[in-house]
C-alpha cells in the first residue's frame, strides 16, 4: 500500500535501490575518504530520491522542468 503518489513511480523506486548500492559501495572506501568522497556520493544519491519525491508533488510544469534539470545535474556529479 502506498502512502504517497511518488512511491508508485518506477524511477523513485530505482533511485532508492541506487542509493542502497551507493551506500554498500562507499562502505568499502578507505576511512580517509569518509568525510570527502563517501559523504558527497551518499548525500547526492539521497538527494536524487528526495528531489523526485518533491518534484512529483509539484503542479506547475515549469517547476517540474527546473527540478528535473537540477536532478540531472546531480547525476553528473558522479
C-alpha atoms as a PDB file:
ATOM      1  CA  UNK A   1       0.000   0.000   0.000  1.00  0.00           C
ATOM      2  CA  UNK A   2       1.297   3.407  -0.981  1.00  0.00           C
ATOM      3  CA  UNK A   3       1.009   6.421   1.265  1.00  0.00           C
ATOM      4  CA  UNK A   4       2.365   8.962  -1.242  1.00  0.00           C
ATOM      5  CA  UNK A   5       1.911   9.039  -5.012  1.00  0.00           C
ATOM      6  CA  UNK A   6       5.657   9.192  -5.728  1.00  0.00           C
ATOM      7  CA  UNK A   7       6.061   5.735  -4.172  1.00  0.00           C
ATOM      8  CA  UNK A   8       4.351   4.342  -7.270  1.00  0.00           C
ATOM      9  CA  UNK A   9       6.961   5.854  -9.585  1.00  0.00           C
ATOM     10  CA  UNK A  10       9.405   3.328 -11.006  1.00  0.00           C
ATOM     11  CA  UNK A  11      12.123   5.969 -11.188  1.00  0.00           C
ATOM     12  CA  UNK A  12      11.754   6.719  -7.467  1.00  0.00           C
ATOM     13  CA  UNK A  13      11.988   3.033  -6.568  1.00  0.00           C
ATOM     14  CA  UNK A  14      15.048   2.649  -8.788  1.00  0.00           C
ATOM     15  CA  UNK A  15      16.649   5.672  -7.147  1.00  0.00           C
ATOM     16  CA  UNK A  16      16.118   4.041  -3.745  1.00  0.00           C
ATOM     17  CA  UNK A  17      17.926   0.936  -4.989  1.00  0.00           C
ATOM     18  CA  UNK A  18      20.657   3.157  -6.425  1.00  0.00           C
ATOM     19  CA  UNK A  19      21.080   4.805  -3.022  1.00  0.00           C
ATOM     20  CA  UNK A  20      21.388   1.406  -1.339  1.00  0.00           C
ATOM     21  CA  UNK A  21      24.034   0.432  -3.895  1.00  0.00           C
ATOM     22  CA  UNK A  22      25.969   3.650  -3.275  1.00  0.00           C
ATOM     23  CA  UNK A  23      25.911   3.053   0.475  1.00  0.00           C
ATOM     24  CA  UNK A  24      27.192  -0.514   0.043  1.00  0.00           C
ATOM     25  CA  UNK A  25      29.853   0.575  -2.432  1.00  0.00           C
ATOM     26  CA  UNK A  26      31.097   3.503  -0.365  1.00  0.00           C
ATOM     27  CA  UNK A  27      31.341   1.341   2.749  1.00  0.00           C
ATOM     28  CA  UNK A  28      34.340  -0.272   1.049  1.00  0.00           C
ATOM     29  CA  UNK A  29      36.130   3.075   0.533  1.00  0.00           C
ATOM     30  CA  UNK A  30      39.145   3.950   2.675  1.00  0.00           C
ATOM     31  CA  UNK A  31      38.464   5.638   6.017  1.00  0.00           C
ATOM     32  CA  UNK A  32      40.386   8.679   4.776  1.00  0.00           C
ATOM     33  CA  UNK A  33      37.555   9.332   2.284  1.00  0.00           C
ATOM     34  CA  UNK A  34      34.792   9.185   4.900  1.00  0.00           C
ATOM     35  CA  UNK A  35      34.240  12.952   5.012  1.00  0.00           C
ATOM     36  CA  UNK A  36      35.120  13.561   1.376  1.00  0.00           C
ATOM     37  CA  UNK A  37      34.069  11.351  -1.476  1.00  0.00           C
ATOM     38  CA  UNK A  38      31.900   8.996   0.635  1.00  0.00           C
ATOM     39  CA  UNK A  39      29.893  11.827   2.123  1.00  0.00           C
ATOM     40  CA  UNK A  40      29.375  13.542  -1.241  1.00  0.00           C
ATOM     41  CA  UNK A  41      28.268  10.371  -3.031  1.00  0.00           C
ATOM     42  CA  UNK A  42      25.844   9.416  -0.272  1.00  0.00           C
ATOM     43  CA  UNK A  43      24.299  12.885   0.015  1.00  0.00           C
ATOM     44  CA  UNK A  44      23.888  13.134  -3.750  1.00  0.00           C
ATOM     45  CA  UNK A  45      22.190   9.736  -4.032  1.00  0.00           C
ATOM     46  CA  UNK A  46      19.737  10.610  -1.249  1.00  0.00           C
ATOM     47  CA  UNK A  47      19.139  13.979  -2.885  1.00  0.00           C
ATOM     48  CA  UNK A  48      18.021  12.276  -6.096  1.00  0.00           C
ATOM     49  CA  UNK A  49      15.292  10.343  -4.232  1.00  0.00           C
ATOM     50  CA  UNK A  50      14.203  13.442  -2.358  1.00  0.00           C
ATOM     51  CA  UNK A  51      14.042  15.585  -5.470  1.00  0.00           C
ATOM     52  CA  UNK A  52      11.959  13.036  -7.360  1.00  0.00           C
ATOM     53  CA  UNK A  53       9.519  12.861  -4.460  1.00  0.00           C
ATOM     54  CA  UNK A  54       9.367  16.643  -4.201  1.00  0.00           C
ATOM     55  CA  UNK A  55       9.050  17.084  -7.965  1.00  0.00           C
ATOM     56  CA  UNK A  56       6.196  14.616  -8.213  1.00  0.00           C
ATOM     57  CA  UNK A  57       4.133  16.815  -5.923  1.00  0.00           C
ATOM     58  CA  UNK A  58       4.605  19.968  -7.967  1.00  0.00           C
ATOM     59  CA  UNK A  59       1.619  21.095 -10.003  1.00  0.00           C
ATOM     60  CA  UNK A  60       3.395  23.594 -12.227  1.00  0.00           C
ATOM     61  CA  UNK A  61       5.151  22.088 -15.250  1.00  0.00           C
ATOM     62  CA  UNK A  62       7.806  24.786 -15.350  1.00  0.00           C
ATOM     63  CA  UNK A  63       8.818  23.994 -11.779  1.00  0.00           C
ATOM     64  CA  UNK A  64       8.911  20.284 -12.626  1.00  0.00           C
ATOM     65  CA  UNK A  65      11.171  21.002 -15.577  1.00  0.00           C
ATOM     66  CA  UNK A  66      13.570  23.032 -13.413  1.00  0.00           C
ATOM     67  CA  UNK A  67      13.661  20.278 -10.788  1.00  0.00           C
ATOM     68  CA  UNK A  68      14.320  17.633 -13.438  1.00  0.00           C
ATOM     69  CA  UNK A  69      17.220  19.671 -14.824  1.00  0.00           C
ATOM     70  CA  UNK A  70      18.623  20.003 -11.317  1.00  0.00           C
ATOM     71  CA  UNK A  71      18.247  16.254 -10.752  1.00  0.00           C
ATOM     72  CA  UNK A  72      20.109  15.566 -13.991  1.00  0.00           C
ATOM     73  CA  UNK A  73      22.890  17.863 -12.803  1.00  0.00           C
ATOM     74  CA  UNK A  74      23.054  15.844  -9.572  1.00  0.00           C
ATOM     75  CA  UNK A  75      23.644  12.688 -11.602  1.00  0.00           C
ATOM     76  CA  UNK A  76      26.531  14.309 -13.455  1.00  0.00           C
ATOM     77  CA  UNK A  77      28.301  14.866 -10.140  1.00  0.00           C
ATOM     78  CA  UNK A  78      29.142  11.155 -10.217  1.00  0.00           C
END
